[in-house]
């Protein structure tokens, strides 16, 4: 649905990804610059396949960064602000790189797809028993303020074989 001559952010994001992916097939294209980084053409086209399949191509529109902090692994998003949301950061987690990447991807999809605004002082979780604290403060790896999620990581898989953060928030 078009409002006041503008597409909703999800639809415009999908249209952008499909257009850029089509341009990736032109001769001489070396990469795609988005969210402060250059994506390889093959990588961009791979993730754009989600849009063709009717799934929101979050990995084409939001960058997920990771670095080692003083007390653990840290991660952040860069691109959520383009959709009107605060960027998200996880600081000093004991999570593995894969756990942190999966968590940030699932959380970002949830935020955009369900139009969720995380607020300082609340708790979130992917399981009923999981209570991850949410705070809003000056960004560490991103400019301005960001949402910080206390995500320690999960050391063992549940009896279903999946780590504790897989599922619905």
C-alpha atoms as a PDB file:
ATOM      1  CA  UNK A   1       0.000   0.000   0.000  1.00  0.00           C
ATOM      2  CA  UNK A   2       1.373   3.434  -0.955  1.00  0.00           C
ATOM      3  CA  UNK A   3       0.928   6.227   1.581  1.00  0.00           C
ATOM      4  CA  UNK A   4       1.354   9.852   0.504  1.00  0.00           C
ATOM      5  CA  UNK A   5       3.376   8.801  -2.541  1.00  0.00           C
ATOM      6  CA  UNK A   6       5.847   6.710  -0.538  1.00  0.00           C
ATOM      7  CA  UNK A   7       6.214   2.968  -0.209  1.00  0.00           C
ATOM      8  CA  UNK A   8       6.355   1.474   3.295  1.00  0.00           C
ATOM      9  CA  UNK A   9       9.972   0.853   4.352  1.00  0.00           C
ATOM     10  CA  UNK A  10       9.750  -2.929   3.959  1.00  0.00           C
ATOM     11  CA  UNK A  11       8.417  -2.681   0.411  1.00  0.00           C
ATOM     12  CA  UNK A  12      10.915   0.012  -0.573  1.00  0.00           C
ATOM     13  CA  UNK A  13      13.746  -2.081   0.895  1.00  0.00           C
ATOM     14  CA  UNK A  14      12.689  -5.110  -1.148  1.00  0.00           C
ATOM     15  CA  UNK A  15      12.392  -2.978  -4.294  1.00  0.00           C
ATOM     16  CA  UNK A  16      15.865  -1.529  -3.690  1.00  0.00           C
ATOM     17  CA  UNK A  17      17.414  -4.974  -3.224  1.00  0.00           C
ATOM     18  CA  UNK A  18      15.764  -6.369  -6.355  1.00  0.00           C
ATOM     19  CA  UNK A  19      16.910  -3.358  -8.404  1.00  0.00           C
ATOM     20  CA  UNK A  20      20.503  -3.480  -7.137  1.00  0.00           C
ATOM     21  CA  UNK A  21      20.632  -7.261  -7.622  1.00  0.00           C
ATOM     22  CA  UNK A  22      19.532  -6.807 -11.241  1.00  0.00           C
ATOM     23  CA  UNK A  23      22.292  -4.219 -11.711  1.00  0.00           C
ATOM     24  CA  UNK A  24      24.795  -6.746 -10.333  1.00  0.00           C
ATOM     25  CA  UNK A  25      24.346  -8.715 -13.552  1.00  0.00           C
ATOM     26  CA  UNK A  26      25.673  -5.843 -15.665  1.00  0.00           C
ATOM     27  CA  UNK A  27      29.197  -6.201 -17.037  1.00  0.00           C
ATOM     28  CA  UNK A  28      31.950  -4.605 -14.965  1.00  0.00           C
ATOM     29  CA  UNK A  29      30.133  -4.567 -11.620  1.00  0.00           C
ATOM     30  CA  UNK A  30      32.719  -5.251  -8.922  1.00  0.00           C
ATOM     31  CA  UNK A  31      30.695  -4.845  -5.740  1.00  0.00           C
ATOM     32  CA  UNK A  32      27.842  -3.111  -3.966  1.00  0.00           C
ATOM     33  CA  UNK A  33      28.525  -0.353  -1.434  1.00  0.00           C
ATOM     34  CA  UNK A  34      25.900  -0.325   1.307  1.00  0.00           C
ATOM     35  CA  UNK A  35      25.889   0.321   5.053  1.00  0.00           C
ATOM     36  CA  UNK A  36      29.488   1.449   5.055  1.00  0.00           C
ATOM     37  CA  UNK A  37      30.911  -1.682   3.460  1.00  0.00           C
ATOM     38  CA  UNK A  38      31.385  -3.238   0.030  1.00  0.00           C
ATOM     39  CA  UNK A  39      29.536  -6.492  -0.573  1.00  0.00           C
ATOM     40  CA  UNK A  40      30.848  -8.955  -3.140  1.00  0.00           C
ATOM     41  CA  UNK A  41      28.465  -9.215  -6.092  1.00  0.00           C
ATOM     42  CA  UNK A  42      27.930 -12.944  -5.490  1.00  0.00           C
ATOM     43  CA  UNK A  43      27.155 -12.382  -1.815  1.00  0.00           C
ATOM     44  CA  UNK A  44      24.691  -9.579  -2.570  1.00  0.00           C
ATOM     45  CA  UNK A  45      22.926 -11.632  -5.234  1.00  0.00           C
ATOM     46  CA  UNK A  46      22.806 -14.668  -2.914  1.00  0.00           C
ATOM     47  CA  UNK A  47      21.029 -12.750  -0.149  1.00  0.00           C
ATOM     48  CA  UNK A  48      18.802 -10.924  -2.651  1.00  0.00           C
ATOM     49  CA  UNK A  49      17.345 -14.333  -3.496  1.00  0.00           C
ATOM     50  CA  UNK A  50      15.376 -13.979  -0.269  1.00  0.00           C
ATOM     51  CA  UNK A  51      13.444 -11.067  -1.811  1.00  0.00           C
ATOM     52  CA  UNK A  52      12.623 -13.164  -4.885  1.00  0.00           C
ATOM     53  CA  UNK A  53      11.354 -15.865  -2.520  1.00  0.00           C
ATOM     54  CA  UNK A  54       9.126 -13.355  -0.699  1.00  0.00           C
ATOM     55  CA  UNK A  55      11.323 -13.124   2.408  1.00  0.00           C
ATOM     56  CA  UNK A  56      12.644  -9.792   3.650  1.00  0.00           C
ATOM     57  CA  UNK A  57      16.326  -9.556   2.584  1.00  0.00           C
ATOM     58  CA  UNK A  58      17.647  -8.148   5.839  1.00  0.00           C
ATOM     59  CA  UNK A  59      21.263  -9.141   5.112  1.00  0.00           C
ATOM     60  CA  UNK A  60      21.282  -6.846   2.068  1.00  0.00           C
ATOM     61  CA  UNK A  61      19.941  -3.898   4.045  1.00  0.00           C
ATOM     62  CA  UNK A  62      21.460  -4.151   7.526  1.00  0.00           C
ATOM     63  CA  UNK A  63      25.136  -4.724   8.280  1.00  0.00           C
ATOM     64  CA  UNK A  64      26.011  -6.977  11.209  1.00  0.00           C
ATOM     65  CA  UNK A  65      29.358  -6.168  12.753  1.00  0.00           C
ATOM     66  CA  UNK A  66      31.324  -8.063  15.355  1.00  0.00           C
ATOM     67  CA  UNK A  67      34.443  -7.313  17.400  1.00  0.00           C
ATOM     68  CA  UNK A  68      36.244  -8.498  20.520  1.00  0.00           C
ATOM     69  CA  UNK A  69      35.536  -6.347  23.563  1.00  0.00           C
ATOM     70  CA  UNK A  70      37.511  -6.257  26.801  1.00  0.00           C
ATOM     71  CA  UNK A  71      35.296  -8.900  28.429  1.00  0.00           C
ATOM     72  CA  UNK A  72      33.782 -10.789  25.523  1.00  0.00           C
ATOM     73  CA  UNK A  73      32.388 -10.758  22.014  1.00  0.00           C
ATOM     74  CA  UNK A  74      30.465  -7.671  20.890  1.00  0.00           C
ATOM     75  CA  UNK A  75      28.113  -7.196  17.965  1.00  0.00           C
ATOM     76  CA  UNK A  76      26.081  -4.425  16.404  1.00  0.00           C
ATOM     77  CA  UNK A  77      23.707  -3.543  13.593  1.00  0.00           C
ATOM     78  CA  UNK A  78      24.188  -0.759  11.081  1.00  0.00           C
ATOM     79  CA  UNK A  79      21.187   0.061   8.925  1.00  0.00           C
ATOM     80  CA  UNK A  80      18.226  -0.311  11.293  1.00  0.00           C
ATOM     81  CA  UNK A  81      18.131   3.475  11.598  1.00  0.00           C
ATOM     82  CA  UNK A  82      17.220   3.630   7.888  1.00  0.00           C
ATOM     83  CA  UNK A  83      13.970   1.919   8.857  1.00  0.00           C
ATOM     84  CA  UNK A  84      13.338   4.275  11.781  1.00  0.00           C
ATOM     85  CA  UNK A  85      14.621   1.992  14.550  1.00  0.00           C
ATOM     86  CA  UNK A  86      17.522   2.303  16.964  1.00  0.00           C
ATOM     87  CA  UNK A  87      20.632   0.331  16.122  1.00  0.00           C
ATOM     88  CA  UNK A  88      21.190  -2.700  18.367  1.00  0.00           C
ATOM     89  CA  UNK A  89      24.379  -3.626  20.208  1.00  0.00           C
ATOM     90  CA  UNK A  90      25.410  -6.634  22.278  1.00  0.00           C
ATOM     91  CA  UNK A  91      28.404  -5.951  24.506  1.00  0.00           C
ATOM     92  CA  UNK A  92      30.822  -8.393  26.127  1.00  0.00           C
ATOM     93  CA  UNK A  93      28.871 -11.575  25.437  1.00  0.00           C
ATOM     94  CA  UNK A  94      30.135 -15.082  26.129  1.00  0.00           C
ATOM     95  CA  UNK A  95      28.302 -16.211  22.978  1.00  0.00           C
ATOM     96  CA  UNK A  96      30.130 -17.808  20.085  1.00  0.00           C
ATOM     97  CA  UNK A  97      30.434 -15.828  16.857  1.00  0.00           C
ATOM     98  CA  UNK A  98      27.704 -17.944  15.250  1.00  0.00           C
ATOM     99  CA  UNK A  99      25.366 -17.554  18.243  1.00  0.00           C
ATOM    100  CA  UNK A 100      25.797 -13.792  18.225  1.00  0.00           C
ATOM    101  CA  UNK A 101      25.329 -13.533  14.448  1.00  0.00           C
ATOM    102  CA  UNK A 102      22.189 -15.696  14.569  1.00  0.00           C
ATOM    103  CA  UNK A 103      20.792 -13.710  17.490  1.00  0.00           C
ATOM    104  CA  UNK A 104      21.330 -10.331  15.821  1.00  0.00           C
ATOM    105  CA  UNK A 105      19.855 -11.578  12.539  1.00  0.00           C
ATOM    106  CA  UNK A 106      16.756 -13.039  14.225  1.00  0.00           C
ATOM    107  CA  UNK A 107      16.262  -9.930  16.370  1.00  0.00           C
ATOM    108  CA  UNK A 108      16.661  -7.566  13.409  1.00  0.00           C
ATOM    109  CA  UNK A 109      14.176  -9.557  11.333  1.00  0.00           C
ATOM    110  CA  UNK A 110      11.745  -9.482  14.227  1.00  0.00           C
ATOM    111  CA  UNK A 111      12.119  -5.725  14.757  1.00  0.00           C
ATOM    112  CA  UNK A 112      11.577  -4.837  11.098  1.00  0.00           C
ATOM    113  CA  UNK A 113       8.947  -7.434  10.200  1.00  0.00           C
ATOM    114  CA  UNK A 114       6.800  -6.839  13.302  1.00  0.00           C
ATOM    115  CA  UNK A 115       7.515  -3.101  13.660  1.00  0.00           C
ATOM    116  CA  UNK A 116       8.887  -3.549  17.191  1.00  0.00           C
ATOM    117  CA  UNK A 117      10.354  -0.615  19.100  1.00  0.00           C
ATOM    118  CA  UNK A 118      12.533  -1.860  21.950  1.00  0.00           C
ATOM    119  CA  UNK A 119      12.416   0.345  25.043  1.00  0.00           C
ATOM    120  CA  UNK A 120      14.855   1.014  27.854  1.00  0.00           C
ATOM    121  CA  UNK A 121      14.096  -1.067  30.947  1.00  0.00           C
ATOM    122  CA  UNK A 122      12.124  -3.867  29.313  1.00  0.00           C
ATOM    123  CA  UNK A 123      13.169  -7.495  28.878  1.00  0.00           C
ATOM    124  CA  UNK A 124      12.933  -9.593  25.736  1.00  0.00           C
ATOM    125  CA  UNK A 125      13.510 -13.250  25.006  1.00  0.00           C
ATOM    126  CA  UNK A 126      13.061 -15.919  22.375  1.00  0.00           C
ATOM    127  CA  UNK A 127      11.837 -18.406  24.984  1.00  0.00           C
ATOM    128  CA  UNK A 128       9.380 -17.877  27.842  1.00  0.00           C
ATOM    129  CA  UNK A 129      12.177 -18.441  30.371  1.00  0.00           C
ATOM    130  CA  UNK A 130      14.619 -16.106  28.674  1.00  0.00           C
ATOM    131  CA  UNK A 131      14.779 -12.541  30.025  1.00  0.00           C
ATOM    132  CA  UNK A 132      17.321 -10.398  28.206  1.00  0.00           C
ATOM    133  CA  UNK A 133      17.609  -6.839  29.569  1.00  0.00           C
ATOM    134  CA  UNK A 134      17.180  -3.897  27.192  1.00  0.00           C
ATOM    135  CA  UNK A 135      18.901  -0.565  27.805  1.00  0.00           C
ATOM    136  CA  UNK A 136      19.240   2.537  25.677  1.00  0.00           C
ATOM    137  CA  UNK A 137      22.392   4.610  25.916  1.00  0.00           C
ATOM    138  CA  UNK A 138      25.162   6.179  23.877  1.00  0.00           C
ATOM    139  CA  UNK A 139      26.368   3.821  21.169  1.00  0.00           C
ATOM    140  CA  UNK A 140      29.713   2.086  21.550  1.00  0.00           C
ATOM    141  CA  UNK A 141      30.246   0.893  17.965  1.00  0.00           C
ATOM    142  CA  UNK A 142      27.518   2.984  16.326  1.00  0.00           C
ATOM    143  CA  UNK A 143      26.878   6.736  16.282  1.00  0.00           C
ATOM    144  CA  UNK A 144      24.232   8.256  18.531  1.00  0.00           C
ATOM    145  CA  UNK A 145      22.187   6.190  20.941  1.00  0.00           C
ATOM    146  CA  UNK A 146      21.614   2.473  20.559  1.00  0.00           C
ATOM    147  CA  UNK A 147      19.690  -0.316  22.193  1.00  0.00           C
ATOM    148  CA  UNK A 148      21.908  -2.670  24.203  1.00  0.00           C
ATOM    149  CA  UNK A 149      20.719  -6.242  24.691  1.00  0.00           C
ATOM    150  CA  UNK A 150      22.218  -8.329  27.477  1.00  0.00           C
ATOM    151  CA  UNK A 151      22.836 -11.502  25.495  1.00  0.00           C
ATOM    152  CA  UNK A 152      25.221 -13.859  27.282  1.00  0.00           C
ATOM    153  CA  UNK A 153      24.945 -16.654  24.734  1.00  0.00           C
ATOM    154  CA  UNK A 154      23.975 -20.251  25.156  1.00  0.00           C
ATOM    155  CA  UNK A 155      26.625 -22.878  25.775  1.00  0.00           C
ATOM    156  CA  UNK A 156      24.540 -25.983  25.114  1.00  0.00           C
ATOM    157  CA  UNK A 157      21.731 -26.924  22.782  1.00  0.00           C
ATOM    158  CA  UNK A 158      18.296 -27.640  24.139  1.00  0.00           C
ATOM    159  CA  UNK A 159      16.726 -31.095  23.890  1.00  0.00           C
ATOM    160  CA  UNK A 160      15.265 -30.038  20.514  1.00  0.00           C
ATOM    161  CA  UNK A 161      18.789 -29.604  19.191  1.00  0.00           C
ATOM    162  CA  UNK A 162      18.507 -25.845  18.781  1.00  0.00           C
ATOM    163  CA  UNK A 163      20.167 -23.172  20.835  1.00  0.00           C
ATOM    164  CA  UNK A 164      17.942 -21.292  23.281  1.00  0.00           C
ATOM    165  CA  UNK A 165      17.514 -18.163  21.156  1.00  0.00           C
ATOM    166  CA  UNK A 166      15.942 -19.935  18.191  1.00  0.00           C
ATOM    167  CA  UNK A 167      12.214 -19.373  18.088  1.00  0.00           C
ATOM    168  CA  UNK A 168       9.804 -16.490  18.577  1.00  0.00           C
ATOM    169  CA  UNK A 169      10.408 -13.474  20.725  1.00  0.00           C
END
